[in-house]
Every structure is written in structure tokens, then in C-alpha cells.
Protein backbone atom coordinates (compact mmCIF):
# COMPACT_ATOMS: atom_id res chain seq x y z
CA MET A 1 32.94 -79.90 69.98
CA THR A 2 34.43 -76.89 67.90
CA HIS A 3 36.62 -74.83 69.76
CA PRO A 4 35.96 -71.12 69.53
CA THR A 5 39.66 -70.10 68.33
CA ASP A 6 38.61 -72.31 65.02
CA ARG A 7 35.37 -70.16 64.66
CA VAL A 8 37.47 -67.07 64.95
CA ARG A 9 39.88 -68.09 62.64
CA ARG A 10 37.13 -69.34 59.98
CA HIS A 11 35.54 -65.97 60.56
CA GLY A 12 39.22 -64.11 59.85
CA ARG A 13 39.77 -66.11 56.50
CA ARG A 14 36.00 -64.96 55.59
CA SER A 15 36.43 -61.70 56.27
CA ARG A 16 40.13 -61.28 55.03
CA SER A 17 38.68 -62.94 51.50
CA ALA A 18 35.70 -60.48 51.18
CA SER A 19 37.74 -57.63 51.88
CA ALA A 20 40.33 -58.62 49.57
CA GLY A 21 37.60 -59.08 46.93
CA LEU A 22 37.78 -62.51 46.36
CA PRO A 23 35.14 -64.68 45.39
CA THR A 24 32.92 -66.52 48.02
CA PRO A 25 31.49 -69.74 47.48
CA GLY A 26 27.92 -68.00 48.20
CA SER A 27 28.90 -64.81 45.97
CA ALA A 28 30.08 -67.35 42.82
CA ARG A 29 26.50 -69.35 43.45
CA ARG A 30 24.53 -66.02 43.20
CA ARG A 31 26.44 -64.43 40.15
CA ARG A 32 25.73 -68.20 38.66
CA GLY A 33 22.16 -67.94 39.62
CA GLN A 34 21.79 -64.36 38.21
CA THR A 35 23.43 -65.16 35.29
CA ALA A 36 21.07 -68.10 34.61
CA LEU A 37 18.27 -65.91 35.23
CA ARG A 38 19.04 -63.33 32.82
CA LEU A 39 19.49 -65.69 30.12
CA LEU A 40 16.53 -67.31 30.85
CA LEU A 41 14.73 -63.87 30.68
CA VAL A 42 16.49 -63.32 27.22
CA ALA A 43 15.12 -66.62 26.32
CA LEU A 44 11.65 -65.70 27.44
CA PHE A 45 11.65 -62.20 25.78
CA THR A 46 12.99 -63.58 22.43
CA ALA A 47 10.15 -65.93 22.49
CA GLY A 48 7.67 -63.61 23.56
CA LEU A 49 8.58 -61.30 20.51
CA ALA A 50 8.58 -64.16 17.90
CA ALA A 51 4.85 -65.07 19.10
CA LEU A 52 3.90 -61.57 19.23
CA THR A 53 5.26 -61.03 15.81
CA PRO A 54 2.25 -61.79 13.42
CA GLY A 55 -0.16 -59.58 15.48
CA VAL A 56 2.13 -56.57 14.84
CA ALA A 57 2.81 -57.50 11.67
CA GLN A 58 -0.81 -57.69 10.55
CA ALA A 59 -1.60 -54.52 11.86
CA GLU A 60 0.23 -53.02 8.85
CA GLY A 61 -1.61 -54.86 6.46
CA GLU A 62 -0.58 -56.86 3.43
CA GLN A 63 0.18 -55.70 -0.12
CA VAL A 64 1.69 -56.87 -3.36
CA SER A 65 4.05 -54.10 -4.96
CA GLY A 66 6.66 -54.36 -7.91
CA THR A 67 7.81 -51.88 -10.73
CA LEU A 68 7.74 -51.90 -14.28
CA ARG A 69 10.71 -50.61 -16.22
CA THR A 70 13.38 -51.71 -18.66
CA SER A 71 16.94 -51.01 -19.16
CA ALA A 72 16.60 -48.86 -22.12
CA SER A 73 13.16 -47.50 -21.90
CA GLY A 74 13.47 -46.74 -18.11
CA PRO A 75 10.28 -46.93 -15.75
CA ILE A 76 6.85 -47.19 -17.78
CA GLU A 77 4.01 -45.15 -16.47
CA GLY A 78 0.38 -45.64 -16.52
CA VAL A 79 -0.17 -49.50 -16.84
CA GLU A 80 -2.75 -51.37 -15.05
CA VAL A 81 -2.01 -53.93 -12.86
CA VAL A 82 -4.47 -56.60 -11.58
CA VAL A 83 -4.48 -58.48 -8.23
CA ALA A 84 -6.69 -61.69 -8.14
CA THR A 85 -7.03 -64.76 -6.29
CA PRO A 86 -6.22 -68.14 -7.58
CA ASP A 87 -10.06 -68.84 -8.23
CA GLY A 88 -9.90 -65.48 -10.65
CA ASP A 89 -11.71 -63.24 -7.92
CA GLU A 90 -10.20 -59.65 -8.50
CA VAL A 91 -8.94 -58.32 -5.31
CA GLY A 92 -7.54 -54.73 -6.64
CA THR A 93 -5.82 -52.54 -9.20
CA ASP A 94 -3.16 -50.10 -9.41
CA GLU A 95 -1.75 -47.96 -12.24
CA THR A 96 1.99 -47.67 -12.27
CA ASP A 97 3.30 -43.98 -11.23
CA GLY A 98 6.26 -41.73 -12.93
CA SER A 99 8.81 -44.43 -11.15
CA GLY A 100 6.86 -47.67 -12.76
CA ARG A 101 5.87 -48.56 -9.42
CA PHE A 102 2.77 -50.14 -8.53
CA ALA A 103 1.51 -51.26 -4.98
CA VAL A 104 -1.88 -53.18 -4.37
CA PRO A 105 -3.20 -53.95 -0.63
CA VAL A 106 -4.42 -57.32 -0.20
CA PRO A 107 -7.40 -58.62 2.12
CA GLY A 108 -4.68 -60.94 3.86
CA PRO A 109 -1.80 -63.69 3.77
CA GLY A 110 -2.19 -66.20 1.13
CA GLN A 111 -1.66 -66.89 -2.91
CA TYR A 112 -2.31 -64.15 -5.65
CA THR A 113 -2.04 -63.62 -8.80
CA VAL A 114 -0.47 -60.30 -10.65
CA THR A 115 -1.32 -59.91 -14.37
CA VAL A 116 -0.48 -56.99 -16.72
CA PRO A 117 -2.78 -57.01 -19.36
CA GLU A 118 -0.81 -57.86 -22.95
CA ASP A 119 -1.64 -54.94 -24.60
CA ALA A 120 -0.71 -52.58 -21.66
CA LEU A 121 2.55 -52.38 -22.86
CA PRO A 122 4.19 -49.37 -25.35
CA ASP A 123 5.76 -50.46 -28.62
CA GLY A 124 8.75 -52.08 -28.84
CA VAL A 125 8.59 -53.57 -25.21
CA GLU A 126 7.42 -57.06 -24.44
CA PHE A 127 7.00 -59.62 -21.25
CA ALA A 128 10.08 -61.91 -21.14
CA SER A 129 8.28 -64.69 -19.72
CA GLY A 130 4.58 -64.16 -19.37
CA ASN A 131 2.50 -61.66 -18.12
CA THR A 132 1.04 -63.19 -15.01
CA ARG A 133 2.92 -63.96 -11.78
CA THR A 134 1.66 -66.16 -8.87
CA VAL A 135 3.03 -64.60 -5.22
CA THR A 136 2.45 -65.90 -1.67
CA VAL A 137 1.99 -63.17 1.07
CA ASP A 138 3.09 -63.90 4.11
CA PRO A 139 1.25 -62.26 7.48
CA GLY A 140 2.13 -58.12 7.40
CA ARG A 141 4.57 -58.69 4.14
CA ASN A 142 4.78 -56.58 1.56
CA GLN A 143 5.46 -58.75 -1.11
CA GLY A 144 7.50 -57.70 -4.20
CA VAL A 145 6.92 -59.40 -7.60
CA ILE A 146 8.99 -58.98 -10.56
CA ILE A 147 7.67 -58.88 -14.21
CA GLY A 148 10.15 -59.55 -16.70
CA LEU A 149 10.35 -56.72 -19.66
CA ASP A 150 12.22 -56.93 -22.75
CA ASP A 151 12.71 -53.82 -24.94
CA GLY A 152 15.31 -55.63 -27.45
CA SER A 153 18.22 -53.85 -25.67
CA ARG A 154 19.93 -57.16 -24.38
CA GLU A 155 19.65 -58.60 -27.87
CA SER A 156 22.02 -55.95 -29.50
CA GLY A 157 25.86 -56.02 -29.67
CA SER A 158 27.49 -59.10 -28.44
CA GLY A 159 26.07 -62.57 -27.40
CA THR A 160 27.83 -62.15 -23.85
CA VAL A 161 25.65 -59.02 -22.90
CA ARG A 162 23.44 -61.04 -20.27
CA TRP A 163 26.57 -62.17 -18.49
CA VAL A 164 28.40 -58.84 -18.53
CA GLN A 165 25.34 -57.22 -17.12
CA LEU A 166 24.76 -59.76 -14.55
CA LEU A 167 28.48 -59.40 -13.43
CA VAL A 168 28.20 -55.60 -12.89
CA ASP A 169 25.23 -55.94 -11.09
CA GLY A 170 27.00 -58.94 -9.13
CA LEU A 171 30.20 -56.74 -8.47
CA ARG A 172 28.01 -53.38 -7.37
CA PHE A 173 25.73 -56.01 -5.11
CA GLY A 174 29.05 -57.52 -3.55
CA LEU A 175 30.37 -54.01 -2.73
CA LEU A 176 27.08 -53.09 -1.17
CA ILE A 177 27.29 -56.46 1.26
CA ALA A 178 31.21 -55.61 1.92
CA MET A 179 30.21 -52.12 3.01
CA ALA A 180 28.33 -53.52 5.98
CA ALA A 181 30.22 -56.94 6.47
CA VAL A 182 33.66 -55.09 7.05
CA GLY A 183 32.25 -54.02 10.16
CA LEU A 184 30.71 -57.33 11.06
CA SER A 185 33.86 -58.87 10.54
CA LEU A 186 35.99 -56.68 12.75
CA ILE A 187 33.40 -56.76 15.60
CA PHE A 188 33.73 -60.54 15.72
CA GLY A 189 37.51 -60.24 15.26
CA THR A 190 38.14 -57.85 18.34
CA THR A 191 35.40 -59.26 20.64
CA GLY A 192 34.60 -62.72 19.41
CA LEU A 193 30.76 -61.42 19.20
CA THR A 194 28.97 -63.05 16.31
CA ASN A 195 26.34 -60.13 16.19
CA PHE A 196 23.02 -60.85 14.65
CA ALA A 197 21.63 -57.06 15.08
CA HIS A 198 24.46 -55.80 12.77
CA GLY A 199 21.56 -56.00 10.00
CA GLU A 200 19.73 -53.71 11.94
CA LEU A 201 22.66 -51.16 11.81
CA VAL A 202 22.03 -51.44 7.87
CA THR A 203 18.26 -50.72 8.40
CA ILE A 204 18.66 -47.86 10.64
CA GLY A 205 21.06 -46.10 8.11
CA ALA A 206 18.58 -46.81 5.19
CA ILE A 207 15.40 -45.18 7.36
CA ALA A 208 17.01 -42.39 9.08
CA ALA A 209 18.59 -40.96 5.55
CA TRP A 210 14.74 -41.60 4.42
CA PHE A 211 13.11 -39.71 6.82
CA ILE A 212 15.94 -36.81 6.68
CA ASN A 213 15.44 -36.72 2.99
CA VAL A 214 11.92 -37.04 2.33
CA GLU A 215 10.31 -35.69 5.43
CA GLY A 216 13.07 -32.88 6.19
CA GLY A 217 13.39 -32.06 2.51
CA VAL A 218 17.15 -32.72 2.97
CA PRO A 219 18.89 -33.54 -0.44
CA LEU A 220 20.22 -37.29 -0.35
CA ILE A 221 24.00 -36.69 0.18
CA PRO A 222 23.55 -34.40 3.12
CA ALA A 223 21.27 -37.07 4.53
CA ALA A 224 23.58 -39.91 3.92
CA LEU A 225 26.50 -38.32 5.52
CA LEU A 226 23.72 -37.65 8.50
CA ALA A 227 22.64 -41.25 8.64
CA MET A 228 26.45 -42.42 9.21
CA VAL A 229 26.59 -40.22 11.76
CA ILE A 230 23.37 -41.71 13.54
CA GLY A 231 24.73 -45.28 12.42
CA ALA A 232 28.13 -44.47 14.52
CA VAL A 233 26.21 -42.99 17.46
CA VAL A 234 23.85 -46.40 17.19
CA GLY A 235 27.46 -48.45 17.43
CA PHE A 236 28.62 -46.40 20.21
CA ALA A 237 25.37 -47.03 22.22
CA ASN A 238 25.61 -50.66 21.64
CA GLU A 239 29.21 -50.72 22.98
CA ARG A 240 29.04 -48.76 26.31
CA LEU A 241 25.37 -49.38 27.09
CA LEU A 242 25.30 -53.44 26.19
CA TRP A 243 28.06 -55.04 25.22
CA ARG A 244 30.93 -53.76 27.17
CA PRO A 245 28.88 -54.35 30.51
CA LEU A 246 28.07 -57.74 29.15
CA ARG A 247 31.74 -58.22 29.23
CA ARG A 248 32.73 -57.10 32.31
CA ARG A 249 30.47 -59.48 34.04
CA GLY A 250 31.82 -62.30 31.96
CA THR A 251 28.97 -63.09 29.81
CA GLY A 252 29.84 -65.93 27.61
CA LEU A 253 29.94 -65.61 23.71
CA VAL A 254 27.05 -68.35 23.59
CA ALA A 255 25.10 -65.90 25.77
CA ALA A 256 25.93 -63.07 23.90
CA LEU A 257 25.06 -64.57 20.83
CA VAL A 258 21.45 -65.32 22.09
CA ILE A 259 21.20 -61.38 23.24
CA SER A 260 22.06 -60.16 20.04
CA ILE A 261 19.10 -62.66 18.43
CA GLY A 262 16.67 -60.98 20.75
CA LEU A 263 18.27 -57.51 20.22
CA SER A 264 17.66 -57.87 16.56
CA LEU A 265 14.04 -58.75 17.15
CA LEU A 266 13.36 -56.18 19.17
CA LEU A 267 14.59 -53.32 16.87
CA ARG A 268 13.23 -55.07 13.76
CA TYR A 269 9.95 -54.98 14.82
CA ALA A 270 10.50 -51.32 16.68
CA TYR A 271 11.26 -50.33 13.22
CA GLN A 272 7.93 -51.71 11.36
CA ILE A 273 5.92 -49.99 14.14
CA PHE A 274 7.99 -46.89 13.45
CA PHE A 275 8.45 -46.85 9.78
CA GLY A 276 5.66 -49.32 8.83
CA GLY A 277 5.36 -52.31 6.59
CA ARG A 278 5.72 -50.69 2.91
CA SER A 279 8.82 -50.05 0.71
CA GLU A 280 9.59 -46.23 0.31
CA ALA A 281 12.01 -44.61 -2.25
CA TYR A 282 14.14 -41.38 -1.72
CA ALA A 283 13.10 -38.25 -2.71
CA ASP A 284 16.27 -38.10 -4.96
CA TYR A 285 17.33 -40.16 -8.32
CA ARG A 286 14.14 -41.62 -8.93
CA GLY A 287 12.93 -43.02 -12.00
CA GLN A 288 16.84 -42.79 -13.83
CA ARG A 289 17.16 -44.04 -17.40
CA ALA A 290 19.74 -46.69 -17.61
CA VAL A 291 22.78 -45.33 -19.57
CA ASP A 292 23.96 -47.86 -22.49
CA TYR A 293 27.54 -48.69 -21.88
CA GLY A 294 28.01 -51.38 -24.79
CA PRO A 295 27.80 -54.48 -23.52
CA PHE A 296 25.85 -53.78 -20.20
CA ASN A 297 23.48 -50.94 -18.97
CA LEU A 298 24.27 -48.80 -15.65
CA THR A 299 21.88 -46.13 -14.27
CA ASP A 300 23.74 -43.31 -12.83
CA LYS A 301 22.89 -43.97 -9.32
CA ASP A 302 24.33 -47.45 -9.51
CA LEU A 303 27.36 -45.82 -11.14
CA TYR A 304 27.56 -43.60 -8.29
CA SER A 305 26.97 -46.16 -5.90
CA ILE A 306 29.64 -48.83 -7.18
CA ILE A 307 32.24 -45.71 -7.38
CA ILE A 308 31.18 -44.48 -3.26
CA ALA A 309 31.68 -48.07 -2.15
CA LEU A 310 35.25 -48.82 -3.77
CA VAL A 311 36.32 -45.34 -2.41
CA VAL A 312 35.27 -46.15 0.95
CA LEU A 313 36.44 -49.34 1.31
CA VAL A 314 39.83 -48.54 -0.07
CA LEU A 315 40.10 -45.55 2.62
CA VAL A 316 39.00 -48.58 5.18
CA ALA A 317 42.28 -50.66 3.65
CA LEU A 318 44.44 -47.36 3.88
CA MET A 319 43.28 -46.95 7.42
CA LEU A 320 43.63 -50.32 8.98
CA GLN A 321 47.30 -50.50 7.08
CA ARG A 322 48.57 -47.03 7.38
CA THR A 323 47.09 -45.22 10.95
CA LYS A 324 47.68 -45.91 14.39
CA ILE A 325 44.18 -47.00 15.18
CA GLY A 326 43.90 -49.15 12.30
CA LYS A 327 47.17 -50.97 13.39
CA ALA A 328 45.69 -51.54 16.99
CA MET A 329 42.49 -52.76 15.67
CA ARG A 330 44.21 -55.47 13.53
CA ALA A 331 46.54 -56.23 16.81
CA VAL A 332 43.32 -56.78 19.03
CA ALA A 333 42.11 -59.09 16.57
CA ASP A 334 44.90 -61.30 16.01
CA ASN A 335 45.70 -61.35 19.68
CA ARG A 336 43.54 -59.27 22.36
CA ASP A 337 45.25 -60.20 25.45
CA LEU A 338 48.61 -59.73 23.83
CA ALA A 339 47.68 -56.07 22.20
CA ALA A 340 46.41 -55.49 25.92
CA SER A 341 49.55 -56.59 27.48
CA SER A 342 51.70 -54.34 24.69
CA GLY A 343 50.12 -51.13 26.01
CA ILE A 344 46.80 -50.81 23.69
CA ASP A 345 43.76 -49.55 25.11
CA VAL A 346 41.87 -52.64 23.94
CA ASN A 347 38.22 -51.16 25.49
CA ARG A 348 38.79 -47.64 23.09
CA VAL A 349 39.75 -49.99 20.17
CA ILE A 350 36.31 -51.99 20.37
CA LEU A 351 34.63 -48.66 20.96
CA VAL A 352 35.89 -47.17 17.58
CA VAL A 353 35.35 -50.72 15.65
CA TRP A 354 31.59 -50.73 16.41
CA MET A 355 31.34 -46.89 15.33
CA MET A 356 33.14 -47.59 12.36
CA GLY A 357 30.90 -50.79 11.69
CA GLY A 358 28.12 -48.86 12.13
CA ALA A 359 28.86 -45.76 10.05
CA LEU A 360 29.60 -48.27 7.24
CA ALA A 361 26.62 -50.42 7.72
CA ALA A 362 24.58 -47.25 7.88
CA LEU A 363 25.91 -46.16 4.63
CA GLY A 364 25.54 -49.58 2.95
CA GLY A 365 21.67 -49.28 4.04
CA VAL A 366 21.40 -46.10 2.19
CA LEU A 367 22.91 -47.29 -1.11
CA LEU A 368 20.72 -50.32 -0.80
CA GLY A 369 17.75 -48.67 -0.24
CA LEU A 370 18.97 -46.53 -3.30
CA SER A 371 18.77 -49.00 -5.66
CA ASP A 372 15.89 -51.63 -4.24
CA GLU A 373 13.74 -49.22 -1.80
CA VAL A 374 13.78 -48.90 1.94
CA GLN A 375 11.81 -51.61 3.79
CA TRP A 376 11.85 -52.44 7.46
CA ASP A 377 13.69 -55.59 7.08
CA MET A 378 15.98 -54.82 4.64
CA GLY A 379 18.80 -55.27 6.75
CA PHE A 380 17.56 -58.70 8.15
CA ARG A 381 17.26 -60.22 4.72
CA LEU A 382 20.72 -59.11 3.76
CA LEU A 383 22.20 -60.37 7.15
CA LEU A 384 22.62 -63.90 5.90
CA LEU A 385 24.64 -62.72 2.81
CA MET A 386 26.89 -61.03 5.09
CA PHE A 387 27.65 -63.93 7.17
CA ALA A 388 27.91 -65.71 4.02
CA GLY A 389 30.62 -63.37 2.75
CA VAL A 390 32.58 -63.06 6.42
CA THR A 391 32.43 -66.72 6.65
CA LEU A 392 33.78 -67.26 3.18
CA GLY A 393 36.30 -64.83 3.26
CA GLY A 394 37.85 -65.75 6.37
CA LEU A 395 36.33 -64.98 10.31
CA GLY A 396 37.76 -61.76 11.84
CA THR A 397 39.56 -60.10 8.67
CA ALA A 398 38.73 -56.90 7.18
CA TYR A 399 40.16 -58.13 3.82
CA GLY A 400 38.25 -61.15 4.04
CA ALA A 401 34.95 -59.76 4.43
CA LEU A 402 35.51 -57.74 1.22
CA VAL A 403 36.76 -60.68 -0.80
CA GLY A 404 34.37 -62.82 0.45
CA SER A 405 31.26 -61.01 -0.12
CA LEU A 406 32.52 -59.78 -3.93
CA VAL A 407 32.31 -63.67 -4.73
CA VAL A 408 29.29 -63.81 -2.94
CA GLY A 409 27.31 -61.25 -4.59
CA VAL A 410 28.69 -61.80 -8.11
CA PHE A 411 27.91 -65.42 -7.51
CA VAL A 412 24.34 -64.46 -6.50
CA GLN A 413 23.41 -62.29 -9.53
CA MET A 414 25.30 -65.22 -11.92
CA SER A 415 23.28 -67.77 -10.91
CA THR A 416 20.11 -66.27 -12.26
CA LEU A 417 21.51 -67.97 -15.22
CA VAL A 418 20.43 -71.09 -14.56
CA ILE A 419 17.96 -70.69 -11.48
CA PRO A 420 15.05 -68.38 -11.27
CA ASN A 421 15.75 -64.79 -9.92
CA ASP A 422 13.44 -65.46 -6.66
CA ILE A 423 15.49 -68.27 -5.17
CA LYS A 424 19.27 -66.51 -6.11
CA TYR A 425 20.15 -66.37 -2.66
CA VAL A 426 20.26 -69.91 -2.29
CA GLY A 427 23.38 -70.13 -5.00
CA GLY A 428 25.33 -67.69 -2.08
CA LEU A 429 24.36 -70.14 0.79
CA LEU A 430 25.62 -72.99 -1.66
CA LEU A 431 28.72 -71.60 -2.50
CA LEU A 432 29.45 -71.10 1.38
CA ILE A 433 28.92 -74.79 2.06
CA VAL A 434 31.25 -75.73 -0.78
CA ILE A 435 34.11 -73.50 0.23
CA LEU A 436 33.79 -74.63 3.91
CA MET A 437 33.90 -78.27 2.86
CA VAL A 438 37.18 -77.25 0.97
CA ARG A 439 38.60 -74.73 2.84
CA PRO A 440 36.91 -74.35 6.39
CA GLN A 441 39.26 -71.44 7.59
CA GLY A 442 37.89 -69.12 4.47
CA ILE A 443 39.69 -67.77 1.49
CA LEU A 444 41.98 -65.28 3.43
CA GLY A 445 41.49 -67.21 7.10
CA SER A 446 44.72 -68.82 8.48
CA ARG A 447 44.25 -72.38 9.38
CA VAL A 448 43.57 -73.22 13.27
CA ARG A 449 44.23 -76.44 14.99
CA VAL A 450 41.51 -77.63 17.39
CA GLY A 451 42.15 -79.81 20.15
């Protein structure tokens, strides 16, 4: 039989534990149950969005689009493009506009043949590899098609013009990847979060700049600056409203990764509903003629994209090296607990990292939209290459993200010397696998002993 005094002592111990804020077995079980419930809801939400994706996409319809242009002659206007089924039944036609662009709606997913009549091209321009392409259109997809044209400019000059041109294109593409990947790498370094929703920060920058530029009539340069502000605000909201509360609740990194995937799906298809499944170009700097620089050709907008990316990345490097907040970022990325014990406000540093990462990703999206047009899933398509660049350069280091992204961008473009252009992104993944087999910590990462 239990003595009343023993019951009082046990009750007193429970009261003191509760008043001191110590966890009791019941509260710990409740927290574990709540965490499991949240993860289950996130998993169900993610699966539900994935299941609903075809229905959302088909609401937009499918189409085939592309651009007819050459390096020297620029865009080719007034050429009729014919889209047909594999059986030869014509689906639709369209004439290229002033920027050389065509877009033909198709009745549904499936294979289609895109043909440009052989006698439709202007004098001096020929097909590089035939006038017909067969493409597969997925549900709700605006499928791009590439029809190679040759105006003789690539055969002029030295015999290394093609690889020099691809090298320059690779450097430009690598700088765009680096612009977005630096923020992704810093977020991982300071929080340990593998953020699969980072590509949506790229997309929101491009879409915001398009609406401000096209719908609002604002020139593209101020629109790009406003898009960077919007990207920083979205990064701020991500940290304050979602990730910081989850860290305080002790959410694990695997659970956070699952949540970031669900957030990515939510934002991506919200963009499709809001922006549509089409490809859109900015109102400024359209249909520019490429300038001949000897061994390579480059439009002015691509040249300015390279210059802007270089200047911004140099400023980021100087900020990390010379400023107080930059040194705090590197300290938190190296050892968060030691940085906190040294008096650094870790939460403030993480907030700044999210805002800077959002602004850089938004600017990268604007520059990518300037060269490849704005699409609702453009950030998602760039995400894999961002992860490849970050992992290749060294997880958690901003300089590693820069070096890795440049290597990936150059390798992806140069790989088209031996593989078709449609599968060039496979080259970046192949490079990632090889480097991780030789040097798992990446190019600039430090070796970590496990176990």
C-alpha cells in the first residue's frame, strides 16, 4: 500500500519539474506525436500536390515553341513553321515574329514533328542538321524545339571558333548558376538545410521582373532591382515565418528537407496558375543582333549579363572577406555553436543570409530570363545544376559554389561538342559523379572524418 507521504513527494517532484520547464514523459510523447503528425501532413500534402499536378498543368494546355535565329543574321522573321503528328496530320502552323519566335498549340501530350520548309530561309542561311525535329510534349508543357541554322559565320576565322564560342557560352551560363548557388551554399553552411525550394527564388525574380517590366511599363534595369528587393523579402519571409520556428521546435534536417520539397511544389504550381505555362520575353533588349568578337559572337545583353554577374560576385566575395557581417557569416558556417559562444547573433546572421540568397537568386533569374525567356519552372530546371555546382565546389562554402558552378556551366556547354544539345545537362551530372569519386569533399571543401 502506498503511503500518502510518498504520493505527496511524487506530486511535488512533478510540480517542480513542470514549474522549472523540464520535460515530462507525457509532454515528450506529445511532442513526438505532434512532430510525427506534422511530417505525415507534409508527406500527404506533397503527394497530393504531385497527384494534382497533371490536372493543373492541363488547364494551361500544351504547345511547341522555339526561335529561329543565327549568330550573324539575328532573328529570322516571317518563316512558317508546321507542326504535325508522326502520321503526317497537320496540327497547326505559325509564322516567326520579329524576335524569330514561333509557338504552336497542340491538342494534347504526345509526339509531334516540327518542320520548317527548306525554301523558307533567307539567302545565305542553311539548316545545320535538317529541317525537321521530333519532340515529345508532356502534359501542360511548353516544349521548346531547337532547329540549328548556319549562316557561315562559324566557319570563318580559325578552326577553333566552335569551341571558343561554347567556352564563352559556358562561362556566361556558369556565372548565372553561381549567382543563385552562392545563396544556396551559404544557407546550407549556416543552417544545414538542403533547400529544394531555392529554385523557386530564381523563378520569382524572373516573374516579378517580367510583370514590372511588361505589365507595369518600367524599364528592365529598375525592374531587376525591384525584383531583387522582392527576392530579399521572400527570403526574409521564408526564414522568419517557416524555418526559424521549425528550428526552435527542433525539427530534424531530414524533416526540413521534406518540407522544402513540399514548399517547392506549392510555389512552383502557384507560379503556373498565376503566370501560366507559356514562355515570355521581357519588353526590353529583344531580338538583338550578335556582335562579332573574332573567335566568338555575343549579343550585347549576354555581354552585359557576364559583366553584371562578375561585378556582383566580386562584391559578394569582398563582403564576405572585409565586412563584419561577412566574417560573421563565415564564422557561423564554420561552427555555429562556437560563433554563438563568441557573441555572434546567429539568428540575425541566418536572416541576412536568407535575404542575400533571395536577392542573388532573383537577379540570377532575371539574367536567365533575359537570355532564355521567363517560364514558370525555370528555377526548378536550374536547381539540379545548382546542387551540382555547390556539391562540386564544396558544400557550405560560397567560393566553392562559385568555382563549382563555373566548372559545371563550362562543362555542360562544351559537352555539346560530342553529345546532342538536348541532353547536355547530363554532362554536368556525369562530372559531379566523377569528382565525388575522386574528391568527395569537393574542390574547395575540407576533408571530414566520419565515425
